[in-house]
N, C-alpha and C. Protein backbone atom coordinates (compact mmCIF):
# COMPACT_ATOMS: atom_id res chain seq x y z
N MET A 1 24.08 -22.91 26.57
CA MET A 1 23.86 -21.49 26.36
C MET A 1 24.38 -21.04 25.00
N ALA A 2 25.57 -21.48 24.63
CA ALA A 2 26.15 -21.08 23.35
C ALA A 2 25.31 -21.59 22.19
N ASN A 3 24.80 -22.82 22.29
CA ASN A 3 23.96 -23.38 21.23
C ASN A 3 22.68 -22.58 21.05
N GLU A 4 22.12 -22.09 22.17
CA GLU A 4 20.90 -21.27 22.09
C GLU A 4 21.18 -19.98 21.33
N LYS A 5 22.34 -19.39 21.57
CA LYS A 5 22.71 -18.14 20.90
C LYS A 5 22.90 -18.38 19.41
N VAL A 6 23.51 -19.50 19.04
CA VAL A 6 23.68 -19.83 17.62
C VAL A 6 22.33 -20.00 16.95
N LYS A 7 21.42 -20.74 17.59
CA LYS A 7 20.09 -20.95 17.02
C LYS A 7 19.34 -19.63 16.88
N GLU A 8 19.49 -18.76 17.87
CA GLU A 8 18.82 -17.46 17.86
C GLU A 8 19.28 -16.62 16.68
N ASN A 9 20.56 -16.71 16.31
CA ASN A 9 21.13 -15.89 15.25
C ASN A 9 21.17 -16.59 13.90
N LEU A 10 20.74 -17.83 13.82
CA LEU A 10 20.82 -18.59 12.59
C LEU A 10 20.06 -17.92 11.45
N PHE A 11 18.86 -17.46 11.71
CA PHE A 11 18.08 -16.85 10.64
C PHE A 11 18.73 -15.57 10.16
N SER A 12 19.28 -14.80 11.06
CA SER A 12 19.98 -13.58 10.66
C SER A 12 21.16 -13.92 9.75
N TYR A 13 21.85 -15.00 10.07
CA TYR A 13 22.98 -15.44 9.23
C TYR A 13 22.48 -15.78 7.83
N ILE A 14 21.35 -16.45 7.73
CA ILE A 14 20.78 -16.81 6.43
C ILE A 14 20.40 -15.55 5.66
N GLU A 15 19.81 -14.60 6.33
CA GLU A 15 19.44 -13.34 5.67
C GLU A 15 20.67 -12.64 5.10
N VAL A 16 21.73 -12.56 5.89
CA VAL A 16 22.96 -11.89 5.44
C VAL A 16 23.57 -12.65 4.27
N THR A 17 23.56 -13.98 4.35
CA THR A 17 24.10 -14.80 3.26
C THR A 17 23.34 -14.55 1.97
N ILE A 18 22.03 -14.47 2.05
CA ILE A 18 21.22 -14.23 0.86
C ILE A 18 21.42 -12.80 0.35
N LEU A 19 21.52 -11.85 1.26
CA LEU A 19 21.76 -10.46 0.85
C LEU A 19 23.10 -10.34 0.12
N LYS A 20 24.12 -11.02 0.64
CA LYS A 20 25.42 -11.01 -0.02
C LYS A 20 25.33 -11.62 -1.41
N SER A 21 24.59 -12.70 -1.53
CA SER A 21 24.45 -13.36 -2.83
C SER A 21 23.70 -12.47 -3.81
N LEU A 22 22.66 -11.79 -3.35
CA LEU A 22 21.94 -10.84 -4.20
C LEU A 22 22.89 -9.75 -4.69
N SER A 23 23.73 -9.28 -3.81
CA SER A 23 24.67 -8.22 -4.15
C SER A 23 25.71 -8.69 -5.15
N LYS A 24 26.26 -9.88 -4.94
CA LYS A 24 27.30 -10.41 -5.82
C LYS A 24 26.79 -10.68 -7.22
N THR A 25 25.53 -11.07 -7.34
CA THR A 25 24.97 -11.38 -8.65
C THR A 25 24.43 -10.14 -9.34
N ARG A 26 24.59 -9.01 -8.67
CA ARG A 26 24.11 -7.74 -9.24
C ARG A 26 22.59 -7.77 -9.48
N ALA A 27 21.88 -8.47 -8.60
CA ALA A 27 20.42 -8.51 -8.70
C ALA A 27 19.89 -7.20 -8.12
N SER A 28 20.14 -6.12 -8.81
CA SER A 28 19.77 -4.81 -8.32
C SER A 28 18.65 -4.22 -9.14
N GLU A 29 18.68 -2.94 -9.33
CA GLU A 29 17.60 -2.24 -10.02
C GLU A 29 17.36 -2.75 -11.44
N THR A 30 18.39 -3.25 -12.09
CA THR A 30 18.25 -3.63 -13.49
C THR A 30 18.18 -5.14 -13.73
N SER A 31 18.52 -5.95 -12.73
CA SER A 31 18.49 -7.39 -12.94
C SER A 31 17.95 -8.11 -11.72
N THR A 32 17.55 -9.35 -11.91
CA THR A 32 16.98 -10.15 -10.83
C THR A 32 17.68 -11.50 -10.77
N ILE A 33 17.39 -12.25 -9.71
CA ILE A 33 17.91 -13.60 -9.58
C ILE A 33 16.77 -14.50 -9.12
N GLU A 34 16.75 -15.71 -9.64
CA GLU A 34 15.71 -16.67 -9.29
C GLU A 34 16.00 -17.30 -7.92
N VAL A 35 14.96 -17.70 -7.21
CA VAL A 35 15.09 -18.33 -5.90
C VAL A 35 15.97 -19.57 -6.00
N SER A 36 15.80 -20.37 -7.04
CA SER A 36 16.61 -21.58 -7.19
C SER A 36 18.10 -21.25 -7.37
N GLU A 37 18.39 -20.16 -8.07
CA GLU A 37 19.78 -19.72 -8.23
C GLU A 37 20.36 -19.26 -6.89
N LEU A 38 19.54 -18.56 -6.09
CA LEU A 38 19.97 -18.14 -4.76
C LEU A 38 20.27 -19.35 -3.89
N SER A 39 19.42 -20.34 -3.99
CA SER A 39 19.61 -21.57 -3.22
C SER A 39 20.94 -22.22 -3.57
N THR A 40 21.24 -22.29 -4.85
CA THR A 40 22.49 -22.89 -5.31
C THR A 40 23.69 -22.06 -4.90
N SER A 41 23.63 -20.76 -5.10
CA SER A 41 24.79 -19.90 -4.82
C SER A 41 25.09 -19.76 -3.33
N THR A 42 24.06 -19.91 -2.48
CA THR A 42 24.27 -19.76 -1.04
C THR A 42 24.52 -21.10 -0.35
N GLY A 43 24.18 -22.19 -1.02
CA GLY A 43 24.30 -23.50 -0.40
C GLY A 43 23.13 -23.84 0.49
N ILE A 44 22.11 -23.00 0.50
CA ILE A 44 20.90 -23.27 1.27
C ILE A 44 19.98 -24.08 0.38
N LYS A 45 19.88 -25.37 0.65
CA LYS A 45 19.19 -26.29 -0.26
C LYS A 45 17.68 -26.16 -0.27
N ASP A 46 17.11 -25.64 0.80
CA ASP A 46 15.66 -25.55 0.94
C ASP A 46 15.16 -24.21 0.37
N ASN A 47 14.48 -24.27 -0.77
CA ASN A 47 13.95 -23.05 -1.39
C ASN A 47 12.98 -22.31 -0.47
N ASP A 48 12.23 -23.06 0.35
CA ASP A 48 11.30 -22.41 1.28
C ASP A 48 12.05 -21.58 2.32
N GLU A 49 13.20 -22.07 2.75
CA GLU A 49 14.03 -21.31 3.70
C GLU A 49 14.55 -20.03 3.04
N VAL A 50 14.93 -20.15 1.79
CA VAL A 50 15.38 -18.97 1.03
C VAL A 50 14.24 -17.96 0.91
N LEU A 51 13.06 -18.44 0.59
CA LEU A 51 11.90 -17.54 0.47
C LEU A 51 11.57 -16.87 1.79
N ARG A 52 11.62 -17.62 2.90
CA ARG A 52 11.35 -17.01 4.21
C ARG A 52 12.32 -15.86 4.48
N ALA A 53 13.58 -16.10 4.18
CA ALA A 53 14.58 -15.04 4.38
C ALA A 53 14.32 -13.84 3.46
N LEU A 54 13.94 -14.13 2.21
CA LEU A 54 13.63 -13.04 1.27
C LEU A 54 12.43 -12.22 1.75
N TYR A 55 11.40 -12.89 2.28
CA TYR A 55 10.24 -12.17 2.81
C TYR A 55 10.64 -11.28 3.97
N THR A 56 11.53 -11.78 4.83
CA THR A 56 12.00 -10.99 5.96
C THR A 56 12.82 -9.79 5.46
N LEU A 57 13.69 -10.04 4.49
CA LEU A 57 14.48 -8.95 3.91
C LEU A 57 13.58 -7.92 3.25
N GLU A 58 12.52 -8.36 2.60
CA GLU A 58 11.58 -7.44 1.96
C GLU A 58 10.90 -6.57 3.02
N GLY A 59 10.54 -7.18 4.14
CA GLY A 59 9.92 -6.43 5.23
C GLY A 59 10.83 -5.35 5.80
N LYS A 60 12.13 -5.55 5.65
CA LYS A 60 13.12 -4.57 6.10
C LYS A 60 13.56 -3.64 4.97
N SER A 61 12.90 -3.74 3.81
CA SER A 61 13.19 -2.93 2.62
C SER A 61 14.59 -3.18 2.06
N LEU A 62 15.13 -4.39 2.26
CA LEU A 62 16.47 -4.70 1.78
C LEU A 62 16.45 -5.50 0.48
N ALA A 63 15.33 -6.14 0.18
CA ALA A 63 15.16 -6.89 -1.06
C ALA A 63 13.70 -6.77 -1.47
N ARG A 64 13.44 -7.08 -2.74
CA ARG A 64 12.04 -7.04 -3.19
C ARG A 64 11.84 -8.00 -4.35
N PRO A 65 10.60 -8.50 -4.46
CA PRO A 65 10.32 -9.40 -5.58
C PRO A 65 10.16 -8.61 -6.86
N TYR A 66 10.29 -9.31 -7.97
CA TYR A 66 10.04 -8.67 -9.26
C TYR A 66 9.02 -9.52 -10.01
N PRO A 67 7.92 -8.93 -10.44
CA PRO A 67 7.55 -7.51 -10.29
C PRO A 67 7.25 -7.18 -8.83
N GLU A 68 7.49 -5.92 -8.49
CA GLU A 68 7.32 -5.46 -7.12
C GLU A 68 5.91 -5.76 -6.61
N GLY A 69 5.84 -6.29 -5.40
CA GLY A 69 4.57 -6.61 -4.77
C GLY A 69 4.05 -8.00 -5.09
N ASP A 70 4.67 -8.70 -6.03
CA ASP A 70 4.24 -10.05 -6.41
C ASP A 70 5.01 -11.08 -5.60
N PHE A 71 4.46 -11.45 -4.44
CA PHE A 71 5.15 -12.35 -3.54
C PHE A 71 5.09 -13.81 -3.99
N THR A 72 4.45 -14.08 -5.11
CA THR A 72 4.48 -15.43 -5.69
C THR A 72 5.61 -15.53 -6.71
N SER A 73 6.29 -14.42 -6.97
CA SER A 73 7.37 -14.38 -7.94
C SER A 73 8.58 -15.16 -7.45
N ASN A 74 9.30 -15.75 -8.37
CA ASN A 74 10.56 -16.42 -8.05
C ASN A 74 11.76 -15.52 -8.35
N SER A 75 11.52 -14.32 -8.84
CA SER A 75 12.59 -13.37 -9.18
C SER A 75 12.69 -12.30 -8.10
N TRP A 76 13.92 -12.09 -7.61
CA TRP A 76 14.14 -11.12 -6.54
C TRP A 76 15.34 -10.24 -6.87
N LYS A 77 15.39 -9.07 -6.23
CA LYS A 77 16.51 -8.15 -6.41
C LYS A 77 16.79 -7.45 -5.08
N ILE A 78 18.02 -6.99 -4.95
CA ILE A 78 18.41 -6.22 -3.77
C ILE A 78 18.02 -4.76 -4.01
N THR A 79 17.64 -4.07 -2.95
CA THR A 79 17.29 -2.65 -3.07
C THR A 79 18.53 -1.80 -2.79
N GLN A 80 18.43 -0.52 -3.06
CA GLN A 80 19.52 0.40 -2.73
C GLN A 80 19.76 0.41 -1.22
N THR A 81 18.69 0.31 -0.45
CA THR A 81 18.82 0.24 1.01
C THR A 81 19.56 -1.03 1.40
N GLY A 82 19.28 -2.13 0.71
CA GLY A 82 19.97 -3.39 0.97
C GLY A 82 21.46 -3.30 0.67
N ILE A 83 21.79 -2.62 -0.42
CA ILE A 83 23.20 -2.44 -0.78
C ILE A 83 23.91 -1.62 0.29
N LYS A 84 23.26 -0.55 0.76
CA LYS A 84 23.86 0.29 1.81
C LYS A 84 24.01 -0.49 3.11
N ALA A 85 22.97 -1.25 3.48
CA ALA A 85 23.01 -2.03 4.72
C ALA A 85 24.12 -3.07 4.67
N LEU A 86 24.25 -3.74 3.54
CA LEU A 86 25.30 -4.74 3.38
C LEU A 86 26.68 -4.10 3.50
N GLY A 87 26.83 -2.92 2.93
CA GLY A 87 28.09 -2.19 3.05
C GLY A 87 28.42 -1.86 4.49
N LEU A 88 27.42 -1.45 5.25
CA LEU A 88 27.64 -1.14 6.67
C LEU A 88 27.98 -2.40 7.45
N MET A 89 27.31 -3.51 7.14
CA MET A 89 27.60 -4.78 7.82
C MET A 89 29.02 -5.23 7.53
N THR A 90 29.42 -5.12 6.28
CA THR A 90 30.74 -5.55 5.86
C THR A 90 31.81 -4.66 6.47
N GLU A 91 31.54 -3.37 6.48
CA GLU A 91 32.48 -2.41 7.07
C GLU A 91 32.64 -2.66 8.56
N GLY A 92 31.54 -2.90 9.23
CA GLY A 92 31.55 -3.12 10.68
C GLY A 92 32.14 -4.46 11.08
N ALA A 93 32.12 -5.45 10.18
CA ALA A 93 32.61 -6.79 10.49
C ALA A 93 34.12 -6.81 10.68
N GLY A 94 34.81 -5.86 10.10
CA GLY A 94 36.26 -5.84 10.20
C GLY A 94 36.78 -5.21 11.49
N SER A 95 35.90 -4.67 12.29
CA SER A 95 36.32 -3.97 13.50
C SER A 95 35.59 -4.51 14.71
N ASP A 96 36.33 -4.80 15.76
CA ASP A 96 35.73 -5.25 17.02
C ASP A 96 35.51 -4.10 17.98
N SER A 97 36.02 -2.94 17.66
CA SER A 97 35.90 -1.80 18.56
C SER A 97 34.54 -1.16 18.43
N PRO A 98 33.98 -0.69 19.56
CA PRO A 98 32.67 -0.02 19.50
C PRO A 98 32.80 1.32 18.81
N ARG A 99 31.73 1.73 18.17
CA ARG A 99 31.72 3.02 17.47
C ARG A 99 30.94 4.03 18.24
């Protein structure tokens, strides 16, 4: 049962890891980061796995390719919504109490 739960949440963990990396590299409104750099900085060796997570994050408006709408691009950035969401995740991670 526990292994099933880990597998179920694995992709979410990858998304959060990539979002954190986008945030740390300041890949925001003014700068971008390449998929290969994300792969290196996150330790996720498979660029296709990184891209899948980026596509999912884009669908949630948390990241976007550069130029915007070009899903063949290797350059990505975090959105303002992504920065806010990451802040909420980080803030919530320090507390086990329900809000």
